[in-house]
PDB file of N, CA and C in Angstrom:
ATOM      1  N   MET A   1     107.998 114.970 115.355  1.00  0.00           N
ATOM      2  CA  MET A   1     106.837 115.769 115.519  1.00  0.00           C
ATOM      3  C   MET A   1     106.230 116.443 114.271  1.00  0.00           C
ATOM      4  N   ASN A   2     107.179 116.857 113.437  1.00  0.00           N
ATOM      5  CA  ASN A   2     106.606 117.460 112.197  1.00  0.00           C
ATOM      6  C   ASN A   2     105.963 116.449 111.383  1.00  0.00           C
ATOM      7  N   GLU A   3     106.427 115.096 111.265  1.00  0.00           N
ATOM      8  CA  GLU A   3     105.793 114.153 110.549  1.00  0.00           C
ATOM      9  C   GLU A   3     104.311 113.818 111.067  1.00  0.00           C
ATOM     10  N   VAL A   4     104.174 113.913 112.424  1.00  0.00           N
ATOM     11  CA  VAL A   4     102.744 113.602 112.965  1.00  0.00           C
ATOM     12  C   VAL A   4     101.897 114.696 112.464  1.00  0.00           C
ATOM     13  N   GLU A   5     102.204 115.973 112.475  1.00  0.00           N
ATOM     14  CA  GLU A   5     101.484 117.080 112.084  1.00  0.00           C
ATOM     15  C   GLU A   5     101.046 116.993 110.553  1.00  0.00           C
ATOM     16  N   GLU A   6     102.197 116.530 109.828  1.00  0.00           N
ATOM     17  CA  GLU A   6     101.816 116.102 108.336  1.00  0.00           C
ATOM     18  C   GLU A   6     100.804 115.138 108.096  1.00  0.00           C
ATOM     19  N   LEU A   7     100.890 114.120 108.848  1.00  0.00           N
ATOM     20  CA  LEU A   7      99.941 112.933 108.712  1.00  0.00           C
ATOM     21  C   LEU A   7      98.566 113.369 109.236  1.00  0.00           C
ATOM     22  N   LYS A   8      98.486 114.226 110.295  1.00  0.00           N
ATOM     23  CA  LYS A   8      97.264 114.719 110.683  1.00  0.00           C
ATOM     24  C   LYS A   8      96.536 115.523 109.556  1.00  0.00           C
ATOM     25  N   ASN A   9      97.319 116.435 108.826  1.00  0.00           N
ATOM     26  CA  ASN A   9      96.867 117.286 107.916  1.00  0.00           C
ATOM     27  C   ASN A   9      96.363 116.389 106.771  1.00  0.00           C
ATOM     28  N   LYS A  10      97.174 115.541 106.412  1.00  0.00           N
ATOM     29  CA  LYS A  10      96.745 114.501 105.222  1.00  0.00           C
ATOM     30  C   LYS A  10      95.470 113.749 105.516  1.00  0.00           C
ATOM     31  N   ILE A  11      95.165 113.478 106.827  1.00  0.00           N
ATOM     32  CA  ILE A  11      93.939 112.723 107.201  1.00  0.00           C
ATOM     33  C   ILE A  11      92.843 113.712 107.106  1.00  0.00           C
ATOM     34  N   LYS A  12      93.032 115.011 107.510  1.00  0.00           N
ATOM     35  CA  LYS A  12      91.898 115.985 107.351  1.00  0.00           C
ATOM     36  C   LYS A  12      91.622 116.218 105.828  1.00  0.00           C
ATOM     37  N   GLU A  13      92.607 116.378 104.995  1.00  0.00           N
ATOM     38  CA  GLU A  13      92.425 116.447 103.576  1.00  0.00           C
ATOM     39  C   GLU A  13      91.579 115.233 103.066  1.00  0.00           C
ATOM     40  N   LEU A  14      91.945 114.088 103.420  1.00  0.00           N
ATOM     41  CA  LEU A  14      91.307 112.836 102.853  1.00  0.00           C
ATOM     42  C   LEU A  14      89.777 112.755 103.378  1.00  0.00           C
ATOM     43  N   GLU A  15      89.639 113.148 104.537  1.00  0.00           N
ATOM     44  CA  GLU A  15      88.134 113.225 105.253  1.00  0.00           C
ATOM     45  C   GLU A  15      87.400 114.194 104.410  1.00  0.00           C
ATOM     46  N   GLU A  16      88.000 115.351 104.065  1.00  0.00           N
ATOM     47  CA  GLU A  16      87.243 116.228 103.353  1.00  0.00           C
ATOM     48  C   GLU A  16      86.877 115.874 101.745  1.00  0.00           C
ATOM     49  N   GLN A  17      87.820 115.074 101.155  1.00  0.00           N
ATOM     50  CA  GLN A  17      87.455 114.472  99.889  1.00  0.00           C
ATOM     51  C   GLN A  17      86.464 113.448 100.058  1.00  0.00           C
ATOM     52  N   LEU A  18      86.361 112.718 100.991  1.00  0.00           N
ATOM     53  CA  LEU A  18      85.360 111.681 101.331  1.00  0.00           C
ATOM     54  C   LEU A  18      84.018 111.994 101.529  1.00  0.00           C
ATOM     55  N   LYS A  19      83.948 113.346 102.016  1.00  0.00           N
ATOM     56  CA  LYS A  19      82.639 113.864 102.305  1.00  0.00           C
ATOM     57  C   LYS A  19      81.766 114.138 101.081  1.00  0.00           C
ATOM     58  N   LYS A  20      82.594 114.366  99.933  1.00  0.00           N
ATOM     59  CA  LYS A  20      81.832 114.533  98.623  1.00  0.00           C
ATOM     60  C   LYS A  20      81.089 113.317  98.105  1.00  0.00           C
ATOM     61  N   TYR A  21      81.646 112.116  98.765  1.00  0.00           N
ATOM     62  CA  TYR A  21      81.029 110.971  98.150  1.00  0.00           C
ATOM     63  C   TYR A  21      80.122 110.152  99.233  1.00  0.00           C
ATOM     64  N   THR A  22      79.988 110.617 100.341  1.00  0.00           N
ATOM     65  CA  THR A  22      79.222 109.945 101.285  1.00  0.00           C
ATOM     66  C   THR A  22      78.041 110.908 101.806  1.00  0.00           C
ATOM     67  N   ASN A  23      76.936 110.137 101.957  1.00  0.00           N
ATOM     68  CA  ASN A  23      75.622 110.705 102.446  1.00  0.00           C
ATOM     69  C   ASN A  23      75.480 112.373 102.495  1.00  0.00           C
ATOM     70  N   ASN A  24      75.422 112.905 101.438  1.00  0.00           N
ATOM     71  CA  ASN A  24      75.337 114.425 101.512  1.00  0.00           C
ATOM     72  C   ASN A  24      73.866 114.806 100.958  1.00  0.00           C
ATOM     73  N   GLU A  25      73.684 116.029 100.695  1.00  0.00           N
ATOM     74  CA  GLU A  25      72.303 116.412 100.405  1.00  0.00           C
ATOM     75  C   GLU A  25      71.849 115.850  98.935  1.00  0.00           C
ATOM     76  N   ARG A  26      72.843 115.647  98.160  1.00  0.00           N
ATOM     77  CA  ARG A  26      72.520 115.217  96.701  1.00  0.00           C
ATOM     78  C   ARG A  26      71.869 113.723  96.899  1.00  0.00           C
ATOM     79  N   HIS A  27      72.602 112.922  97.682  1.00  0.00           N
ATOM     80  CA  HIS A  27      71.968 111.572  97.936  1.00  0.00           C
ATOM     81  C   HIS A  27      70.546 111.679  98.520  1.00  0.00           C
ATOM     82  N   ILE A  28      70.375 112.380  99.404  1.00  0.00           N
ATOM     83  CA  ILE A  28      69.011 112.535 100.123  1.00  0.00           C
ATOM     84  C   ILE A  28      68.021 113.058  99.074  1.00  0.00           C
ATOM     85  N   LYS A  29      68.192 113.922  98.215  1.00  0.00           N
ATOM     86  CA  LYS A  29      67.258 114.485  97.279  1.00  0.00           C
ATOM     87  C   LYS A  29      67.121 113.329  96.279  1.00  0.00           C
ATOM     88  N   TYR A  30      68.082 112.766  95.824  1.00  0.00           N
ATOM     89  CA  TYR A  30      67.910 111.741  94.827  1.00  0.00           C
ATOM     90  C   TYR A  30      67.026 110.638  95.381  1.00  0.00           C
ATOM     91  N   TYR A  31      67.155 110.089  96.441  1.00  0.00           N
ATOM     92  CA  TYR A  31      66.226 109.107  96.933  1.00  0.00           C
ATOM     93  C   TYR A  31      64.889 109.637  97.305  1.00  0.00           C
ATOM     94  N   GLU A  32      64.645 110.879  97.568  1.00  0.00           N
ATOM     95  CA  GLU A  32      63.402 111.365  97.771  1.00  0.00           C
ATOM     96  C   GLU A  32      62.600 111.490  96.435  1.00  0.00           C
ATOM     97  N   LYS A  33      63.266 111.864  95.428  1.00  0.00           N
ATOM     98  CA  LYS A  33      62.728 112.054  94.087  1.00  0.00           C
ATOM     99  C   LYS A  33      62.559 110.650  93.411  1.00  0.00           C
ATOM    100  N   ASN A  34      63.371 109.758  93.455  1.00  0.00           N
ATOM    101  CA  ASN A  34      63.175 108.513  92.881  1.00  0.00           C
ATOM    102  C   ASN A  34      62.935 107.363  93.764  1.00  0.00           C
ATOM    103  N   LYS A  35      62.099 107.505  94.795  1.00  0.00           N
ATOM    104  CA  LYS A  35      61.714 106.573  95.718  1.00  0.00           C
ATOM    105  C   LYS A  35      61.174 105.311  95.102  1.00  0.00           C
ATOM    106  N   ASP A  36      60.223 105.585  94.316  1.00  0.00           N
ATOM    107  CA  ASP A  36      59.446 104.474  93.589  1.00  0.00           C
ATOM    108  C   ASP A  36      60.290 103.661  92.773  1.00  0.00           C
ATOM    109  N   LYS A  37      61.294 104.319  92.021  1.00  0.00           N
ATOM    110  CA  LYS A  37      62.030 103.592  91.191  1.00  0.00           C
ATOM    111  C   LYS A  37      62.950 102.529  91.937  1.00  0.00           C
ATOM    112  N   ILE A  38      63.491 103.147  93.013  1.00  0.00           N
ATOM    113  CA  ILE A  38      64.420 102.333  93.990  1.00  0.00           C
ATOM    114  C   ILE A  38      63.613 101.213  94.443  1.00  0.00           C
ATOM    115  N   LYS A  39      62.395 101.478  94.964  1.00  0.00           N
ATOM    116  CA  LYS A  39      61.641 100.310  95.552  1.00  0.00           C
ATOM    117  C   LYS A  39      61.237  99.252  94.648  1.00  0.00           C
ATOM    118  N   GLU A  40      61.010  99.694  93.266  1.00  0.00           N
ATOM    119  CA  GLU A  40      60.747  98.728  92.192  1.00  0.00           C
ATOM    120  C   GLU A  40      62.013  97.912  91.907  1.00  0.00           C
ATOM    121  N   LYS A  41      62.991  98.539  91.791  1.00  0.00           N
ATOM    122  CA  LYS A  41      64.303  97.867  91.450  1.00  0.00           C
ATOM    123  C   LYS A  41      64.660  96.789  92.612  1.00  0.00           C
ATOM    124  N   SER A  42      64.507  97.283  93.741  1.00  0.00           N
ATOM    125  CA  SER A  42      64.919  96.351  94.910  1.00  0.00           C
ATOM    126  C   SER A  42      63.878  95.152  94.955  1.00  0.00           C
ATOM    127  N   LYS A  43      62.574  95.388  94.551  1.00  0.00           N
ATOM    128  CA  LYS A  43      61.621  94.269  94.493  1.00  0.00           C
ATOM    129  C   LYS A  43      61.959  93.311  93.454  1.00  0.00           C
ATOM    130  N   LYS A  44      62.249  93.800  92.253  1.00  0.00           N
ATOM    131  CA  LYS A  44      62.872  92.996  91.139  1.00  0.00           C
ATOM    132  C   LYS A  44      63.990  92.198  91.486  1.00  0.00           C
ATOM    133  N   TYR A  45      64.790  92.806  92.246  1.00  0.00           N
ATOM    134  CA  TYR A  45      66.100  92.151  92.726  1.00  0.00           C
ATOM    135  C   TYR A  45      65.822  90.968  93.633  1.00  0.00           C
ATOM    136  N   MET A  46      64.904  91.177  94.543  1.00  0.00           N
ATOM    137  CA  MET A  46      64.529  90.060  95.478  1.00  0.00           C
ATOM    138  C   MET A  46      63.888  88.956  94.749  1.00  0.00           C
ATOM    139  N   GLU A  47      62.977  89.270  93.896  1.00  0.00           N
ATOM    140  CA  GLU A  47      62.381  88.320  92.986  1.00  0.00           C
ATOM    141  C   GLU A  47      63.402  87.296  92.141  1.00  0.00           C
ATOM    142  N   GLN A  48      64.511  88.070  91.688  1.00  0.00           N
ATOM    143  CA  GLN A  48      65.626  87.420  90.984  1.00  0.00           C
ATOM    144  C   GLN A  48      66.288  86.533  91.917  1.00  0.00           C
ATOM    145  N   ILE A  49      66.557  87.000  93.198  1.00  0.00           N
ATOM    146  CA  ILE A  49      67.352  86.241  94.043  1.00  0.00           C
ATOM    147  C   ILE A  49      66.555  84.969  94.495  1.00  0.00           C
ATOM    148  N   LYS A  50      65.159  85.114  94.692  1.00  0.00           N
ATOM    149  CA  LYS A  50      64.260  84.068  95.010  1.00  0.00           C
ATOM    150  C   LYS A  50      64.460  82.859  94.018  1.00  0.00           C
ATOM    151  N   GLU A  51      64.331  83.331  92.722  1.00  0.00           N
ATOM    152  CA  GLU A  51      64.655  82.349  91.658  1.00  0.00           C
ATOM    153  C   GLU A  51      66.048  81.852  91.486  1.00  0.00           C
ATOM    154  N   THR A  52      66.994  82.580  91.546  1.00  0.00           N
ATOM    155  CA  THR A  52      68.320  82.087  91.259  1.00  0.00           C
ATOM    156  C   THR A  52      69.051  81.609  92.212  1.00  0.00           C
ATOM    157  N   ASN A  53      68.952  82.160  93.507  1.00  0.00           N
ATOM    158  CA  ASN A  53      69.772  81.708  94.636  1.00  0.00           C
ATOM    159  C   ASN A  53      68.852  81.794  95.841  1.00  0.00           C
ATOM    160  N   PRO A  54      68.043  80.897  96.244  1.00  0.00           N
ATOM    161  CA  PRO A  54      67.234  80.940  97.372  1.00  0.00           C
ATOM    162  C   PRO A  54      68.033  80.684  98.771  1.00  0.00           C
ATOM    163  N   GLU A  55      69.226  80.089  98.560  1.00  0.00           N
ATOM    164  CA  GLU A  55      70.029  79.872  99.694  1.00  0.00           C
ATOM    165  C   GLU A  55      70.553  81.241 100.192  1.00  0.00           C
ATOM    166  N   LYS A  56      70.808  81.989  99.385  1.00  0.00           N
ATOM    167  CA  LYS A  56      71.428  83.439  99.788  1.00  0.00           C
ATOM    168  C   LYS A  56      70.428  84.058 100.538  1.00  0.00           C
ATOM    169  N   LEU A  57      69.027  84.001 100.087  1.00  0.00           N
ATOM    170  CA  LEU A  57      67.981  84.574 100.791  1.00  0.00           C
ATOM    171  C   LEU A  57      67.842  84.134 102.207  1.00  0.00           C
ATOM    172  N   LYS A  58      67.971  82.751 102.369  1.00  0.00           N
ATOM    173  CA  LYS A  58      67.817  82.090 103.665  1.00  0.00           C
ATOM    174  C   LYS A  58      68.927  82.592 104.598  1.00  0.00           C
ATOM    175  N   GLU A  59      70.171  82.660 104.059  1.00  0.00           N
ATOM    176  CA  GLU A  59      71.315  83.253 104.781  1.00  0.00           C
ATOM    177  C   GLU A  59      71.008  84.689 105.271  1.00  0.00           C
ATOM    178  N   TRP A  60      70.514  85.504 104.326  1.00  0.00           N
ATOM    179  CA  TRP A  60      70.159  87.035 104.879  1.00  0.00           C
ATOM    180  C   TRP A  60      69.170  86.841 105.981  1.00  0.00           C
ATOM    181  N   ARG A  61      68.137  86.165 105.740  1.00  0.00           N
ATOM    182  CA  ARG A  61      67.088  86.121 106.774  1.00  0.00           C
ATOM    183  C   ARG A  61      67.553  85.653 108.065  1.00  0.00           C
ATOM    184  N   HIS A  62      68.450  84.648 108.062  1.00  0.00           N
ATOM    185  CA  HIS A  62      68.886  83.955 109.305  1.00  0.00           C
ATOM    186  C   HIS A  62      69.869  85.082 109.963  1.00  0.00           C
ATOM    187  N   LYS A  63      70.680  85.906 109.206  1.00  0.00           N
ATOM    188  CA  LYS A  63      71.377  86.977 109.862  1.00  0.00           C
ATOM    189  C   LYS A  63      70.525  87.945 110.478  1.00  0.00           C
ATOM    190  N   ALA A  64      69.564  88.249 109.838  1.00  0.00           N
ATOM    191  CA  ALA A  64      68.558  89.376 110.400  1.00  0.00           C
ATOM    192  C   ALA A  64      67.949  88.823 111.661  1.00  0.00           C
ATOM    193  N   TYR A  65      67.486  87.715 111.645  1.00  0.00           N
ATOM    194  CA  TYR A  65      67.067  86.920 112.860  1.00  0.00           C
ATOM    195  C   TYR A  65      67.968  87.060 114.028  1.00  0.00           C
ATOM    196  N   ILE A  66      69.323  86.657 113.687  1.00  0.00           N
ATOM    197  CA  ILE A  66      70.280  86.627 114.752  1.00  0.00           C
ATOM    198  C   ILE A  66      70.449  88.082 115.318  1.00  0.00           C
ATOM    199  N   LYS A  67      70.514  89.063 114.597  1.00  0.00           N
ATOM    200  CA  LYS A  67      70.635  90.439 114.914  1.00  0.00           C
ATOM    201  C   LYS A  67      69.631  90.770 115.801  1.00  0.00           C
ATOM    202  N   ARG A  68      68.287  90.541 115.297  1.00  0.00           N
ATOM    203  CA  ARG A  68      67.162  90.910 116.064  1.00  0.00           C
ATOM    204  C   ARG A  68      67.225  90.276 117.497  1.00  0.00           C
ATOM    205  N   LYS A  69      67.593  89.056 117.651  1.00  0.00           N
ATOM    206  CA  LYS A  69      67.719  88.247 118.783  1.00  0.00           C
ATOM    207  C   LYS A  69      68.661  88.880 119.673  1.00  0.00           C
ATOM    208  N   GLU A  70      69.958  89.254 119.036  1.00  0.00           N
ATOM    209  CA  GLU A  70      70.926  89.957 119.913  1.00  0.00           C
ATOM    210  C   GLU A  70      70.537  91.306 120.450  1.00  0.00           C
ATOM    211  N   LYS A  71      69.737  91.987 119.682  1.00  0.00           N
ATOM    212  CA  LYS A  71      69.230  93.387 120.168  1.00  0.00           C
ATOM    213  C   LYS A  71      68.275  93.104 121.344  1.00  0.00           C
ATOM    214  N   LEU A  72      67.459  92.227 121.217  1.00  0.00           N
ATOM    215  CA  LEU A  72      66.480  91.888 122.326  1.00  0.00           C
ATOM    216  C   LEU A  72      67.081  91.464 123.593  1.00  0.00           C
ATOM    217  N   ASN A  73      68.309  90.723 123.400  1.00  0.00           N
ATOM    218  CA  ASN A  73      68.907  90.183 124.625  1.00  0.00           C
ATOM    219  C   ASN A  73      69.898  91.160 125.192  1.00  0.00           C
ATOM    220  N   GLN A  74      70.342  92.217 124.603  1.00  0.00           N
ATOM    221  CA  GLN A  74      71.183  93.192 125.126  1.00  0.00           C
ATOM    222  C   GLN A  74      70.547  93.997 126.419  1.00  0.00           C
ATOM    223  N   PRO A  75      71.179  93.999 127.529  1.00  0.00           N
ATOM    224  CA  PRO A  75      70.648  94.687 128.682  1.00  0.00           C
ATOM    225  C   PRO A  75      70.454  96.140 128.321  1.00  0.00           C
ATOM    226  N   THR A  76      69.487  96.876 128.656  1.00  0.00           N
ATOM    227  CA  THR A  76      69.402  98.148 128.457  1.00  0.00           C
ATOM    228  C   THR A  76      69.986  98.956 129.612  1.00  0.00           C
ATOM    229  N   GLU A  77      70.085 100.240 129.507  1.00  0.00           N
ATOM    230  CA  GLU A  77      70.569 101.035 130.587  1.00  0.00           C
ATOM    231  C   GLU A  77      69.700 101.091 131.747  1.00  0.00           C
ATOM    232  N   GLN A  78      68.272 100.936 131.584  1.00  0.00           N
ATOM    233  CA  GLN A  78      67.402 101.051 132.603  1.00  0.00           C
ATOM    234  C   GLN A  78      67.510  99.782 133.486  1.00  0.00           C
ATOM    235  N   THR A  79      67.777  98.600 133.002  1.00  0.00           N
ATOM    236  CA  THR A  79      67.916  97.399 133.777  1.00  0.00           C
ATOM    237  C   THR A  79      69.215  97.378 134.458  1.00  0.00           C
ATOM    238  N   LEU A  80      70.262  98.133 134.153  1.00  0.00           N
ATOM    239  CA  LEU A  80      71.466  97.974 134.725  1.00  0.00           C
ATOM    240  C   LEU A  80      71.424  98.714 136.122  1.00  0.00           C
TER     241      LEU A  80
END
């Protein structure tokens, strides 16, 4: 029983530590301030991928297509 409590406490500690590194206010502020830089970097990256590895780009687009198709085919709560 005591071991279970210790493990639960350890999990809580680790979750608190993780909160520092996951989507907090600093990240949101950073992306709001540097929106144009980030968009420019991503655009350059996509251009680089087009030139160096077009197969990867095809793979990404195919996965996106499949996910869109799955979302459309999922029954909604209203139809059930």
